[in-house]
Amino acid sequence: MCRNIRVLHNFEPPATPDEVQAAALQYVRKVSGAAKPSAANQAAFDKAVAAVAAATQELLDALVTTAPPKDREVEAAKAKARAAERYGR
């Protein structure tokens, strides 16, 4: 599940709230061991996702770097090339 969490720092344009939310959801799914919580655990699950998303956004807002921002399309192409080499496609 966590392999879907992507680096969100130092991109142009910056990470969107949806990307932060998706990363938080993946993290909580991994930690809880549940892709979809039971009805009894839904409130706790949703609260945890909101807390992780808030902490993630706070972290991204506080991080500083002197490196130039990365281009999402260029990084996606690099990842695709690495995958093709790894899986022989």
C-alpha atoms as a PDB file:
ATOM      1  CA  MET A   1       0.000   0.000   0.000  1.00  0.00           C
ATOM      2  CA  CYS A   2       2.684   2.551   0.922  1.00  0.00           C
ATOM      3  CA  ARG A   3       4.443   2.245  -2.403  1.00  0.00           C
ATOM      4  CA  ASN A   4       1.790   4.687  -3.637  1.00  0.00           C
ATOM      5  CA  ILE A   5       3.034   7.439  -1.346  1.00  0.00           C
ATOM      6  CA  ARG A   6       5.086   9.843  -3.420  1.00  0.00           C
ATOM      7  CA  VAL A   7       7.538  12.576  -2.545  1.00  0.00           C
ATOM      8  CA  LEU A   8       5.545  15.790  -2.220  1.00  0.00           C
ATOM      9  CA  HIS A   9       8.283  18.270  -1.317  1.00  0.00           C
ATOM     10  CA  ASN A  10       9.961  20.678  -3.733  1.00  0.00           C
ATOM     11  CA  PHE A  11       7.774  20.335  -6.800  1.00  0.00           C
ATOM     12  CA  GLU A  12       6.448  23.009  -9.085  1.00  0.00           C
ATOM     13  CA  PRO A  13       3.525  23.371  -8.801  1.00  0.00           C
ATOM     14  CA  PRO A  14       3.429  22.486  -5.083  1.00  0.00           C
ATOM     15  CA  ALA A  15       1.567  19.443  -3.803  1.00  0.00           C
ATOM     16  CA  THR A  16      -2.182  19.831  -3.900  1.00  0.00           C
ATOM     17  CA  PRO A  17      -4.447  19.177  -0.918  1.00  0.00           C
ATOM     18  CA  ASP A  18      -5.699  16.081  -2.762  1.00  0.00           C
ATOM     19  CA  GLU A  19      -2.145  14.701  -3.011  1.00  0.00           C
ATOM     20  CA  VAL A  20      -1.552  15.343   0.688  1.00  0.00           C
ATOM     21  CA  GLN A  21      -4.869  13.669   1.530  1.00  0.00           C
ATOM     22  CA  ALA A  22      -4.048  10.642  -0.643  1.00  0.00           C
ATOM     23  CA  ALA A  23      -0.659  10.217   1.034  1.00  0.00           C
ATOM     24  CA  ALA A  24      -2.279  10.473   4.472  1.00  0.00           C
ATOM     25  CA  LEU A  25      -4.904   7.895   3.517  1.00  0.00           C
ATOM     26  CA  GLN A  26      -2.241   5.463   2.281  1.00  0.00           C
ATOM     27  CA  TYR A  27      -0.230   5.929   5.477  1.00  0.00           C
ATOM     28  CA  VAL A  28      -3.231   5.294   7.742  1.00  0.00           C
ATOM     29  CA  ARG A  29      -4.233   2.263   5.676  1.00  0.00           C
ATOM     30  CA  LYS A  30      -0.755   0.814   6.081  1.00  0.00           C
ATOM     31  CA  VAL A  31      -0.484   1.496   9.800  1.00  0.00           C
ATOM     32  CA  SER A  32      -3.989   0.201  10.538  1.00  0.00           C
ATOM     33  CA  GLY A  33      -3.674  -2.816   8.253  1.00  0.00           C
ATOM     34  CA  ALA A  34      -7.060  -2.050   6.763  1.00  0.00           C
ATOM     35  CA  ALA A  35      -7.744  -0.774   3.265  1.00  0.00           C
ATOM     36  CA  LYS A  36     -11.323  -0.052   4.337  1.00  0.00           C
ATOM     37  CA  PRO A  37     -12.147   0.184   8.033  1.00  0.00           C
ATOM     38  CA  SER A  38     -15.181  -1.406   9.579  1.00  0.00           C
ATOM     39  CA  ALA A  39     -18.138   0.815  10.425  1.00  0.00           C
ATOM     40  CA  ALA A  40     -17.073   0.676  14.086  1.00  0.00           C
ATOM     41  CA  ASN A  41     -13.615   2.048  13.210  1.00  0.00           C
ATOM     42  CA  GLN A  42     -14.589   4.523  10.477  1.00  0.00           C
ATOM     43  CA  ALA A  43     -14.617   7.596  12.736  1.00  0.00           C
ATOM     44  CA  ALA A  44     -11.202   6.817  14.224  1.00  0.00           C
ATOM     45  CA  PHE A  45      -9.840   6.086  10.729  1.00  0.00           C
ATOM     46  CA  ASP A  46     -11.171   9.373   9.307  1.00  0.00           C
ATOM     47  CA  LYS A  47      -9.822  11.318  12.295  1.00  0.00           C
ATOM     48  CA  ALA A  48      -6.381   9.754  11.818  1.00  0.00           C
ATOM     49  CA  VAL A  49      -6.359  10.572   8.088  1.00  0.00           C
ATOM     50  CA  ALA A  50      -7.253  14.203   8.842  1.00  0.00           C
ATOM     51  CA  ALA A  51      -4.528  14.448  11.511  1.00  0.00           C
ATOM     52  CA  VAL A  52      -1.859  12.914   9.261  1.00  0.00           C
ATOM     53  CA  ALA A  53      -2.886  15.171   6.366  1.00  0.00           C
ATOM     54  CA  ALA A  54      -2.640  18.242   8.608  1.00  0.00           C
ATOM     55  CA  ALA A  55       0.770  17.178   9.920  1.00  0.00           C
ATOM     56  CA  THR A  56       1.969  16.470   6.384  1.00  0.00           C
ATOM     57  CA  GLN A  57       0.846  19.879   5.126  1.00  0.00           C
ATOM     58  CA  GLU A  58       2.479  21.559   8.135  1.00  0.00           C
ATOM     59  CA  LEU A  59       5.726  19.728   7.365  1.00  0.00           C
ATOM     60  CA  LEU A  60       5.640  20.648   3.677  1.00  0.00           C
ATOM     61  CA  ASP A  61       4.969  24.290   4.544  1.00  0.00           C
ATOM     62  CA  ALA A  62       7.908  24.379   6.978  1.00  0.00           C
ATOM     63  CA  LEU A  63      10.532  22.641   4.822  1.00  0.00           C
ATOM     64  CA  VAL A  64      13.103  24.841   3.101  1.00  0.00           C
ATOM     65  CA  THR A  65      15.553  23.996   0.356  1.00  0.00           C
ATOM     66  CA  THR A  66      18.022  25.726  -1.895  1.00  0.00           C
ATOM     67  CA  ALA A  67      17.489  23.155  -4.661  1.00  0.00           C
ATOM     68  CA  PRO A  68      15.408  24.254  -7.617  1.00  0.00           C
ATOM     69  CA  PRO A  69      11.892  22.799  -7.731  1.00  0.00           C
ATOM     70  CA  LYS A  70      11.497  19.535  -9.615  1.00  0.00           C
ATOM     71  CA  ASP A  71       9.216  19.240 -12.630  1.00  0.00           C
ATOM     72  CA  ARG A  72       6.491  16.631 -12.126  1.00  0.00           C
ATOM     73  CA  GLU A  73       6.493  15.487 -15.744  1.00  0.00           C
ATOM     74  CA  VAL A  74      10.274  15.045 -15.829  1.00  0.00           C
ATOM     75  CA  GLU A  75      10.231  13.066 -12.559  1.00  0.00           C
ATOM     76  CA  ALA A  76       7.354  10.896 -13.844  1.00  0.00           C
ATOM     77  CA  ALA A  77       9.317  10.128 -17.020  1.00  0.00           C
ATOM     78  CA  LYS A  78      12.362   9.158 -14.941  1.00  0.00           C
ATOM     79  CA  ALA A  79      10.230   6.842 -12.801  1.00  0.00           C
ATOM     80  CA  LYS A  80       8.698   5.275 -15.889  1.00  0.00           C
ATOM     81  CA  ALA A  81      12.172   4.652 -17.349  1.00  0.00           C
ATOM     82  CA  ARG A  82      13.346   3.062 -14.085  1.00  0.00           C
ATOM     83  CA  ALA A  83      10.281   0.811 -14.036  1.00  0.00           C
ATOM     84  CA  ALA A  84      10.820  -0.216 -17.650  1.00  0.00           C
ATOM     85  CA  GLU A  85      14.419  -1.133 -16.875  1.00  0.00           C
ATOM     86  CA  ARG A  86      13.454  -2.991 -13.710  1.00  0.00           C
ATOM     87  CA  TYR A  87      10.595  -4.948 -15.260  1.00  0.00           C
ATOM     88  CA  GLY A  88      12.034  -5.296 -18.760  1.00  0.00           C
ATOM     89  CA  ARG A  89       9.306  -3.420 -20.605  1.00  0.00           C
END
